[in-house]
C-alpha atoms as a PDB file:
ATOM      1  CA  MET A   1      74.614 126.363 126.276  1.00  0.00           C
ATOM      2  CA  SER A   2      73.724 124.473 122.962  1.00  0.00           C
ATOM      3  CA  PRO A   3      73.484 126.686 119.800  1.00  0.00           C
ATOM      4  CA  THR A   4      69.841 127.121 118.255  1.00  0.00           C
ATOM      5  CA  ASN A   5      68.788 127.656 114.670  1.00  0.00           C
ATOM      6  CA  GLU A   6      69.138 131.397 115.795  1.00  0.00           C
ATOM      7  CA  ASN A   7      72.446 133.306 115.788  1.00  0.00           C
ATOM      8  CA  PHE A   8      72.296 133.237 119.585  1.00  0.00           C
ATOM      9  CA  SER A   9      72.260 130.310 122.195  1.00  0.00           C
ATOM     10  CA  TYR A  10      70.081 130.690 125.295  1.00  0.00           C
ATOM     11  CA  ASN A  11      70.034 129.831 128.932  1.00  0.00           C
ATOM     12  CA  SER A  12      67.278 130.459 131.282  1.00  0.00           C
ATOM     13  CA  ILE A  13      68.414 132.570 134.366  1.00  0.00           C
ATOM     14  CA  THR A  14      66.702 133.888 137.609  1.00  0.00           C
ATOM     15  CA  ASN A  15      66.869 136.630 140.158  1.00  0.00           C
ATOM     16  CA  ILE A  16      68.292 139.324 137.821  1.00  0.00           C
ATOM     17  CA  PRO A  17      66.245 142.215 136.738  1.00  0.00           C
ATOM     18  CA  TYR A  18      65.400 142.638 133.167  1.00  0.00           C
ATOM     19  CA  SER A  19      67.372 145.839 132.853  1.00  0.00           C
ATOM     20  CA  ASN A  20      70.576 147.512 134.120  1.00  0.00           C
ATOM     21  CA  THR A  21      72.271 144.126 133.774  1.00  0.00           C
ATOM     22  CA  ILE A  22      75.996 143.827 133.631  1.00  0.00           C
ATOM     23  CA  VAL A  23      77.636 140.698 132.414  1.00  0.00           C
ATOM     24  CA  LEU A  24      81.329 139.759 132.644  1.00  0.00           C
ATOM     25  CA  ILE A  25      82.959 136.664 131.046  1.00  0.00           C
ATOM     26  CA  ASP A  26      86.550 135.965 132.383  1.00  0.00           C
ATOM     27  CA  GLY A  27      86.481 139.586 133.890  1.00  0.00           C
ATOM     28  CA  ILE A  28      85.918 141.218 130.337  1.00  0.00           C
ATOM     29  CA  PHE A  29      82.465 143.250 129.998  1.00  0.00           C
ATOM     30  CA  GLN A  30      80.345 142.032 127.486  1.00  0.00           C
ATOM     31  CA  GLY A  31      78.515 144.419 125.134  1.00  0.00           C
ATOM     32  CA  PRO A  32      74.778 144.183 125.566  1.00  0.00           C
ATOM     33  CA  GLN A  33      71.805 144.143 122.968  1.00  0.00           C
ATOM     34  CA  ARG A  34      68.611 144.150 125.066  1.00  0.00           C
ATOM     35  CA  ILE A  35      65.411 143.059 122.954  1.00  0.00           C
ATOM     36  CA  THR A  36      62.112 141.450 123.601  1.00  0.00           C
ATOM     37  CA  THR A  37      62.065 138.736 121.229  1.00  0.00           C
ATOM     38  CA  PRO A  38      64.474 136.135 120.177  1.00  0.00           C
ATOM     39  CA  LYS A  39      63.311 136.421 116.403  1.00  0.00           C
ATOM     40  CA  TYR A  40      64.663 140.203 115.987  1.00  0.00           C
ATOM     41  CA  SER A  41      68.256 139.613 114.715  1.00  0.00           C
ATOM     42  CA  VAL A  42      70.692 142.115 115.653  1.00  0.00           C
ATOM     43  CA  TYR A  43      74.407 141.747 116.924  1.00  0.00           C
ATOM     44  CA  GLY A  44      75.964 142.226 120.127  1.00  0.00           C
ATOM     45  CA  ASP A  45      77.882 139.850 122.645  1.00  0.00           C
ATOM     46  CA  TYR A  46      74.762 138.897 124.217  1.00  0.00           C
ATOM     47  CA  LYS A  47      71.118 139.883 124.317  1.00  0.00           C
ATOM     48  CA  LEU A  48      68.486 139.673 126.934  1.00  0.00           C
ATOM     49  CA  PHE A  49      64.773 138.935 126.455  1.00  0.00           C
ATOM     50  CA  ASN A  50      61.567 138.112 128.672  1.00  0.00           C
ATOM     51  CA  ASP A  51      59.972 134.910 128.093  1.00  0.00           C
ATOM     52  CA  GLY A  52      57.185 133.958 129.928  1.00  0.00           C
ATOM     53  CA  GLY A  53      58.448 135.921 133.125  1.00  0.00           C
ATOM     54  CA  ASN A  54      61.768 134.076 132.851  1.00  0.00           C
ATOM     55  CA  LEU A  55      64.797 136.441 131.661  1.00  0.00           C
ATOM     56  CA  LYS A  56      66.713 134.596 128.976  1.00  0.00           C
ATOM     57  CA  LEU A  57      70.560 135.222 128.412  1.00  0.00           C
ATOM     58  CA  GLY A  58      71.642 134.429 124.807  1.00  0.00           C
ATOM     59  CA  PHE A  59      75.335 134.867 123.663  1.00  0.00           C
ATOM     60  CA  ASN A  60      75.995 135.616 120.067  1.00  0.00           C
ATOM     61  CA  ILE A  61      77.646 132.790 118.246  1.00  0.00           C
ATOM     62  CA  ASN A  62      79.509 134.945 115.680  1.00  0.00           C
ATOM     63  CA  PRO A  63      78.534 138.339 114.522  1.00  0.00           C
ATOM     64  CA  THR A  64      80.306 137.780 111.045  1.00  0.00           C
ATOM     65  CA  ASP A  65      79.435 134.178 110.408  1.00  0.00           C
ATOM     66  CA  PRO A  66      76.704 132.667 112.491  1.00  0.00           C
ATOM     67  CA  THR A  67      77.457 129.215 110.636  1.00  0.00           C
ATOM     68  CA  ILE A  68      80.614 128.975 112.731  1.00  0.00           C
ATOM     69  CA  THR A  69      80.056 126.600 115.642  1.00  0.00           C
ATOM     70  CA  LYS A  70      82.509 123.854 115.721  1.00  0.00           C
ATOM     71  CA  ASP A  71      85.659 125.634 116.867  1.00  0.00           C
ATOM     72  CA  ILE A  72      84.790 126.983 120.283  1.00  0.00           C
ATOM     73  CA  ASN A  73      87.961 129.534 119.898  1.00  0.00           C
ATOM     74  CA  VAL A  74      86.390 130.924 117.087  1.00  0.00           C
ATOM     75  CA  ASN A  75      82.777 131.372 117.870  1.00  0.00           C
ATOM     76  CA  LEU A  76      81.890 133.988 120.667  1.00  0.00           C
ATOM     77  CA  LEU A  77      80.046 131.563 123.070  1.00  0.00           C
ATOM     78  CA  PRO A  78      81.450 131.453 126.656  1.00  0.00           C
ATOM     79  CA  LYS A  79      84.020 128.594 126.892  1.00  0.00           C
ATOM     80  CA  GLY A  80      83.366 125.560 128.948  1.00  0.00           C
ATOM     81  CA  GLY A  81      85.049 122.071 129.345  1.00  0.00           C
ATOM     82  CA  VAL A  82      87.633 122.854 126.564  1.00  0.00           C
ATOM     83  CA  ILE A  83      90.720 120.556 126.712  1.00  0.00           C
ATOM     84  CA  VAL A  84      93.770 121.982 128.098  1.00  0.00           C
ATOM     85  CA  SER A  85      95.844 119.040 128.992  1.00  0.00           C
ATOM     86  CA  VAL A  86      95.909 115.319 128.623  1.00  0.00           C
ATOM     87  CA  GLY A  87      97.498 111.849 129.742  1.00  0.00           C
ATOM     88  CA  SER A  88      97.983 109.050 127.246  1.00  0.00           C
ATOM     89  CA  THR A  89      98.664 105.169 126.907  1.00  0.00           C
ATOM     90  CA  GLU A  90     100.237 104.048 123.672  1.00  0.00           C
ATOM     91  CA  GLY A  91      98.020 101.199 123.211  1.00  0.00           C
ATOM     92  CA  PHE A  92      98.857  98.332 120.926  1.00  0.00           C
ATOM     93  CA  GLY A  93      97.690  96.879 117.574  1.00  0.00           C
ATOM     94  CA  TYR A  94      97.284  99.693 115.060  1.00  0.00           C
ATOM     95  CA  GLN A  95      98.526  99.551 111.456  1.00  0.00           C
ATOM     96  CA  PRO A  96     101.381 101.886 110.694  1.00  0.00           C
ATOM     97  CA  LEU A  97     101.158 103.852 107.443  1.00  0.00           C
ATOM     98  CA  VAL A  98     103.203 101.780 104.978  1.00  0.00           C
ATOM     99  CA  SER A  99     103.094 101.987 101.035  1.00  0.00           C
ATOM    100  CA  ALA A 100     102.155  98.720  99.113  1.00  0.00           C
ATOM    101  CA  GLY A 101     105.110  97.198  96.950  1.00  0.00           C
ATOM    102  CA  GLY A 102     104.767  94.767  94.105  1.00  0.00           C
ATOM    103  CA  THR A 103     106.622  93.323  90.749  1.00  0.00           C
ATOM    104  CA  ALA A 104     105.522  93.838  87.440  1.00  0.00           C
ATOM    105  CA  ILE A 105     104.915  90.824  85.405  1.00  0.00           C
ATOM    106  CA  ILE A 106     105.822  91.168  81.822  1.00  0.00           C
ATOM    107  CA  SER A 107     104.973  88.712  79.050  1.00  0.00           C
ATOM    108  CA  SER A 108     107.219  87.867  76.212  1.00  0.00           C
ATOM    109  CA  LEU A 109     105.870  90.395  74.162  1.00  0.00           C
ATOM    110  CA  GLY A 110     106.681  93.099  76.541  1.00  0.00           C
ATOM    111  CA  ALA A 111     103.191  93.809  77.796  1.00  0.00           C
ATOM    112  CA  LEU A 112     102.191  94.016  81.394  1.00  0.00           C
ATOM    113  CA  THR A 113      99.952  91.062  82.355  1.00  0.00           C
ATOM    114  CA  SER A 114      99.748  91.373  86.340  1.00  0.00           C
ATOM    115  CA  ILE A 115     101.246  92.767  89.446  1.00  0.00           C
ATOM    116  CA  ALA A 116     102.498  90.408  91.739  1.00  0.00           C
ATOM    117  CA  ILE A 117     102.217  91.726  95.785  1.00  0.00           C
ATOM    118  CA  GLY A 118     105.362  91.748  97.639  1.00  0.00           C
ATOM    119  CA  ASN A 119     104.335  93.885 100.262  1.00  0.00           C
ATOM    120  CA  THR A 120     100.822  94.350 101.072  1.00  0.00           C
ATOM    121  CA  GLY A 121     101.433  97.885 102.872  1.00  0.00           C
ATOM    122  CA  SER A 122      99.086  99.033 105.682  1.00  0.00           C
ATOM    123  CA  GLY A 123      96.950 101.746 106.954  1.00  0.00           C
ATOM    124  CA  TYR A 124      94.993 101.983 103.600  1.00  0.00           C
ATOM    125  CA  ARG A 125      91.126 102.964 103.954  1.00  0.00           C
ATOM    126  CA  SER A 126      88.775 101.930 101.607  1.00  0.00           C
ATOM    127  CA  GLY A 127      86.094 104.681 100.720  1.00  0.00           C
ATOM    128  CA  LEU A 128      88.681 107.379 101.778  1.00  0.00           C
ATOM    129  CA  GLN A 129      91.010 107.172  98.884  1.00  0.00           C
ATOM    130  CA  THR A 130      91.645 105.333  95.625  1.00  0.00           C
ATOM    131  CA  VAL A 131      95.134 103.676  95.617  1.00  0.00           C
ATOM    132  CA  ASN A 132      96.796 104.442  91.915  1.00  0.00           C
ATOM    133  CA  VAL A 133      99.341 102.048  90.907  1.00  0.00           C
ATOM    134  CA  GLY A 134     101.764 102.914  88.128  1.00  0.00           C
ATOM    135  CA  LEU A 135     105.272 102.045  86.497  1.00  0.00           C
ATOM    136  CA  ARG A 136     108.428 104.234  86.598  1.00  0.00           C
ATOM    137  CA  THR A 137     109.699 105.234  83.360  1.00  0.00           C
ATOM    138  CA  ASP A 138     113.366 105.781  82.235  1.00  0.00           C
ATOM    139  CA  SER A 139     112.689 109.453  82.745  1.00  0.00           C
ATOM    140  CA  ASN A 140     111.756 109.129  86.312  1.00  0.00           C
ATOM    141  CA  GLU A 141     108.131 109.699  85.509  1.00  0.00           C
ATOM    142  CA  VAL A 142     105.193 107.567  86.758  1.00  0.00           C
ATOM    143  CA  VAL A 143     102.678 106.274  84.435  1.00  0.00           C
ATOM    144  CA  TYR A 144      99.556 104.972  86.042  1.00  0.00           C
ATOM    145  CA  PHE A 145      97.729 101.955  84.652  1.00  0.00           C
ATOM    146  CA  GLY A 146      95.352 100.601  87.551  1.00  0.00           C
ATOM    147  CA  GLU A 147      93.892 100.683  91.071  1.00  0.00           C
ATOM    148  CA  ALA A 148      94.811  98.545  94.239  1.00  0.00           C
ATOM    149  CA  VAL A 149      92.274  96.466  95.968  1.00  0.00           C
ATOM    150  CA  VAL A 150      92.192  97.234  99.500  1.00  0.00           C
ATOM    151  CA  ASN A 151      91.057  94.656 102.011  1.00  0.00           C
ATOM    152  CA  GLY A 152      91.309  95.500 105.873  1.00  0.00           C
ATOM    153  CA  GLY A 153      94.082  98.165 105.167  1.00  0.00           C
ATOM    154  CA  TYR A 154      96.201  95.904 103.110  1.00  0.00           C
ATOM    155  CA  VAL A 155      96.699  96.020  99.307  1.00  0.00           C
ATOM    156  CA  THR A 156      95.780  92.466  98.121  1.00  0.00           C
ATOM    157  CA  SER A 157      95.471  92.689  94.473  1.00  0.00           C
ATOM    158  CA  VAL A 158      95.659  95.181  91.443  1.00  0.00           C
ATOM    159  CA  ASN A 159      93.388  95.933  88.388  1.00  0.00           C
ATOM    160  CA  ILE A 160      94.723  97.113  85.168  1.00  0.00           C
ATOM    161  CA  THR A 161      92.227  99.376  84.045  1.00  0.00           C
ATOM    162  CA  ASN A 162      94.409 101.348  81.463  1.00  0.00           C
ATOM    163  CA  PRO A 163      97.214  98.817  80.203  1.00  0.00           C
ATOM    164  CA  PRO A 164     100.300 100.475  79.132  1.00  0.00           C
ATOM    165  CA  PRO A 165     102.213  99.944  75.776  1.00  0.00           C
ATOM    166  CA  ALA A 166     104.006  96.682  75.289  1.00  0.00           C
ATOM    167  CA  ILE A 167     107.409  98.141  75.505  1.00  0.00           C
ATOM    168  CA  TYR A 168     108.896  96.475  78.613  1.00  0.00           C
ATOM    169  CA  ASP A 169     111.741  93.810  79.185  1.00  0.00           C
ATOM    170  CA  GLN A 170     110.557  90.624  80.630  1.00  0.00           C
ATOM    171  CA  LEU A 171     114.076  90.085  82.475  1.00  0.00           C
ATOM    172  CA  ASN A 172     113.988  93.699  83.781  1.00  0.00           C
ATOM    173  CA  PRO A 173     110.490  94.865  84.739  1.00  0.00           C
ATOM    174  CA  PRO A 174     109.953  98.346  85.523  1.00  0.00           C
ATOM    175  CA  GLU A 175     109.455  99.443  89.087  1.00  0.00           C
ATOM    176  CA  VAL A 176     105.885  99.481  90.503  1.00  0.00           C
ATOM    177  CA  ILE A 177     104.526 102.581  92.538  1.00  0.00           C
ATOM    178  CA  PHE A 178     101.680 102.501  94.758  1.00  0.00           C
ATOM    179  CA  ASP A 179     100.072 105.715  96.393  1.00  0.00           C
ATOM    180  CA  ALA A 180     100.784 106.101  99.927  1.00  0.00           C
ATOM    181  CA  PRO A 181      98.299 105.606 102.633  1.00  0.00           C
ATOM    182  CA  PHE A 182      96.406 108.968 103.701  1.00  0.00           C
ATOM    183  CA  GLY A 183      97.806 110.083 107.030  1.00  0.00           C
ATOM    184  CA  TYR A 184      95.632 109.380 110.002  1.00  0.00           C
ATOM    185  CA  THR A 185      94.496 113.171 110.311  1.00  0.00           C
ATOM    186  CA  ASN A 186      91.290 114.964 111.682  1.00  0.00           C
ATOM    187  CA  LEU A 187      90.302 112.049 113.588  1.00  0.00           C
ATOM    188  CA  PRO A 188      87.392 112.658 116.088  1.00  0.00           C
ATOM    189  CA  LEU A 189      88.051 111.683 119.393  1.00  0.00           C
ATOM    190  CA  ILE A 190      85.288 109.683 121.264  1.00  0.00           C
ATOM    191  CA  TYR A 191      84.559 108.208 124.837  1.00  0.00           C
ATOM    192  CA  SER A 192      86.405 105.147 125.465  1.00  0.00           C
ATOM    193  CA  ASN A 193      84.465 102.002 126.847  1.00  0.00           C
ATOM    194  CA  GLY A 194      83.240 102.670 130.148  1.00  0.00           C
ATOM    195  CA  SER A 195      83.398 106.349 129.935  1.00  0.00           C
ATOM    196  CA  SER A 196      80.768 108.712 128.828  1.00  0.00           C
ATOM    197  CA  GLY A 197      80.006 112.428 128.820  1.00  0.00           C
ATOM    198  CA  ILE A 198      79.000 115.360 126.816  1.00  0.00           C
ATOM    199  CA  GLY A 199      82.395 116.595 125.355  1.00  0.00           C
ATOM    200  CA  THR A 200      82.446 116.998 121.505  1.00  0.00           C
ATOM    201  CA  GLY A 201      84.567 118.636 118.916  1.00  0.00           C
ATOM    202  CA  ALA A 202      87.808 117.179 119.832  1.00  0.00           C
ATOM    203  CA  ILE A 203      89.810 115.881 116.860  1.00  0.00           C
ATOM    204  CA  ILE A 204      93.517 114.439 116.643  1.00  0.00           C
ATOM    205  CA  ASP A 205      96.335 113.621 114.471  1.00  0.00           C
ATOM    206  CA  LEU A 206      98.514 110.590 115.128  1.00  0.00           C
ATOM    207  CA  ILE A 207     101.129 108.287 113.520  1.00  0.00           C
ATOM    208  CA  PRO A 208     101.417 104.563 114.770  1.00  0.00           C
ATOM    209  CA  SER A 209     104.642 103.264 115.238  1.00  0.00           C
ATOM    210  CA  ASN A 210     106.020 100.290 113.369  1.00  0.00           C
ATOM    211  CA  ASP A 211     105.164  98.220 116.312  1.00  0.00           C
ATOM    212  CA  GLY A 212     101.494  99.004 116.192  1.00  0.00           C
ATOM    213  CA  SER A 213     101.544 101.579 119.311  1.00  0.00           C
ATOM    214  CA  ILE A 214     100.713 105.247 119.076  1.00  0.00           C
ATOM    215  CA  ASN A 215     103.259 107.672 120.691  1.00  0.00           C
ATOM    216  CA  THR A 216     103.210 110.631 118.290  1.00  0.00           C
ATOM    217  CA  PHE A 217      99.753 112.643 118.059  1.00  0.00           C
ATOM    218  CA  GLU A 218      98.837 116.174 118.199  1.00  0.00           C
ATOM    219  CA  ILE A 219      95.527 117.365 119.263  1.00  0.00           C
ATOM    220  CA  LYS A 220      94.160 119.911 116.617  1.00  0.00           C
ATOM    221  CA  ASN A 221      90.841 120.916 118.121  1.00  0.00           C
ATOM    222  CA  PHE A 222      90.165 120.853 121.780  1.00  0.00           C
ATOM    223  CA  GLY A 223      86.806 120.749 121.441  1.00  0.00           C
ATOM    224  CA  TYR A 224      84.127 121.608 124.481  1.00  0.00           C
ATOM    225  CA  GLY A 225      82.000 120.065 127.176  1.00  0.00           C
ATOM    226  CA  TYR A 226      84.836 117.936 128.588  1.00  0.00           C
ATOM    227  CA  ASN A 227      85.339 117.325 132.174  1.00  0.00           C
ATOM    228  CA  GLU A 228      88.509 116.104 133.981  1.00  0.00           C
ATOM    229  CA  ASN A 229      89.072 112.257 134.186  1.00  0.00           C
ATOM    230  CA  ASP A 230      87.355 111.816 130.709  1.00  0.00           C
ATOM    231  CA  LEU A 231      88.621 108.717 128.971  1.00  0.00           C
ATOM    232  CA  LEU A 232      88.896 109.343 125.144  1.00  0.00           C
ATOM    233  CA  THR A 233      90.064 107.180 122.369  1.00  0.00           C
ATOM    234  CA  ILE A 234      89.688 106.856 118.532  1.00  0.00           C
ATOM    235  CA  SER A 235      87.531 104.696 116.523  1.00  0.00           C
ATOM    236  CA  THR A 236      88.870 101.754 114.444  1.00  0.00           C
ATOM    237  CA  GLY A 237      88.048 101.091 110.843  1.00  0.00           C
ATOM    238  CA  GLY A 238      85.963 103.135 108.366  1.00  0.00           C
ATOM    239  CA  THR A 239      86.678 106.261 106.969  1.00  0.00           C
ATOM    240  CA  VAL A 240      87.245 108.368 110.159  1.00  0.00           C
ATOM    241  CA  GLY A 241      88.906 105.680 112.122  1.00  0.00           C
ATOM    242  CA  ILE A 242      92.362 103.759 112.144  1.00  0.00           C
ATOM    243  CA  GLN A 243      93.000 100.488 110.726  1.00  0.00           C
ATOM    244  CA  THR A 244      94.076  97.676 113.234  1.00  0.00           C
ATOM    245  CA  LEU A 245      96.503  94.869 112.910  1.00  0.00           C
ATOM    246  CA  THR A 246      95.297  91.447 112.009  1.00  0.00           C
ATOM    247  CA  GLY A 247      95.832  88.217 113.547  1.00  0.00           C
ATOM    248  CA  ILE A 248      96.513  89.811 117.089  1.00  0.00           C
ATOM    249  CA  SER A 249      94.897  88.877 120.383  1.00  0.00           C
ATOM    250  CA  ASN A 250      96.401  91.406 122.587  1.00  0.00           C
ATOM    251  CA  PHE A 251      94.918  94.671 121.033  1.00  0.00           C
ATOM    252  CA  ASN A 252      94.855  97.587 123.617  1.00  0.00           C
ATOM    253  CA  PRO A 253      93.130 100.813 122.799  1.00  0.00           C
ATOM    254  CA  PHE A 254      94.911 104.289 122.423  1.00  0.00           C
ATOM    255  CA  GLU A 255      93.549 106.298 125.172  1.00  0.00           C
ATOM    256  CA  LEU A 256      93.637 109.853 126.455  1.00  0.00           C
ATOM    257  CA  ILE A 257      92.700 110.945 129.867  1.00  0.00           C
ATOM    258  CA  VAL A 258      91.599 114.289 130.198  1.00  0.00           C
ATOM    259  CA  THR A 259      93.729 115.962 133.101  1.00  0.00           C
ATOM    260  CA  GLU A 260      92.649 119.649 132.793  1.00  0.00           C
ATOM    261  CA  VAL A 261      90.023 121.949 131.020  1.00  0.00           C
ATOM    262  CA  PHE A 262      89.392 125.376 130.750  1.00  0.00           C
ATOM    263  CA  ARG A 263      85.900 126.924 131.692  1.00  0.00           C
ATOM    264  CA  SER A 264      84.883 130.341 131.373  1.00  0.00           C
ATOM    265  CA  GLN A 265      84.209 132.428 134.661  1.00  0.00           C
ATOM    266  CA  PHE A 266      80.642 134.281 134.335  1.00  0.00           C
ATOM    267  CA  SER A 267      79.488 137.060 136.588  1.00  0.00           C
ATOM    268  CA  GLY A 268      76.469 139.642 136.303  1.00  0.00           C
END
């Protein structure tokens, strides 16, 4: 059942009398609200109305907050195709989350002139975060002076936008600090190449290993509408994808195969 702009989602059913109907979901009696028009907004577990000779059954999305529709475990719709268990392949070629590093270049007058990138880091996503860059002081504080330039997940240079005072020792430059890349969290699961379906809403957190594979993940929302043997993966690049390693020819996608789903049992 797909939500409408009303508080209820509808499906046409046949061969059930308009009155004296009993509806059970997973063996649990549903409290009815019988009305004659879908425009009349009242709350109940479900409601019945006659539409052109067809009896329609609508389940309330959420009686206290009709906008809650993404989490099938929060709204009151019968559940269908909720992921219960999956199998996985680690894949190969994903950027691990590594902070960049560099060296401060100090002039003879003690001024910061540039940053020499020593470690490009990886896993940075342009458009998702601003990578601030600072210098650590003697009191262990960090004074931020600029922003890193990110290309393809790697830091390639630093723009000095707020030069610090010229107080540094050219022979003993201060430590350069880069913001860490944001974690790969709340990533939407999508269908892999060659697989398709109507499942939606599943999201995942994951951590790539240093070798570019993924063996640590947690499904945060199990979505709905999935079927057994659906093959799911994550997108690459952008703000909702994961960065991939450059210069490799044997990239393999991380994939999940749905092995079990939950479907509410309906009787009436």
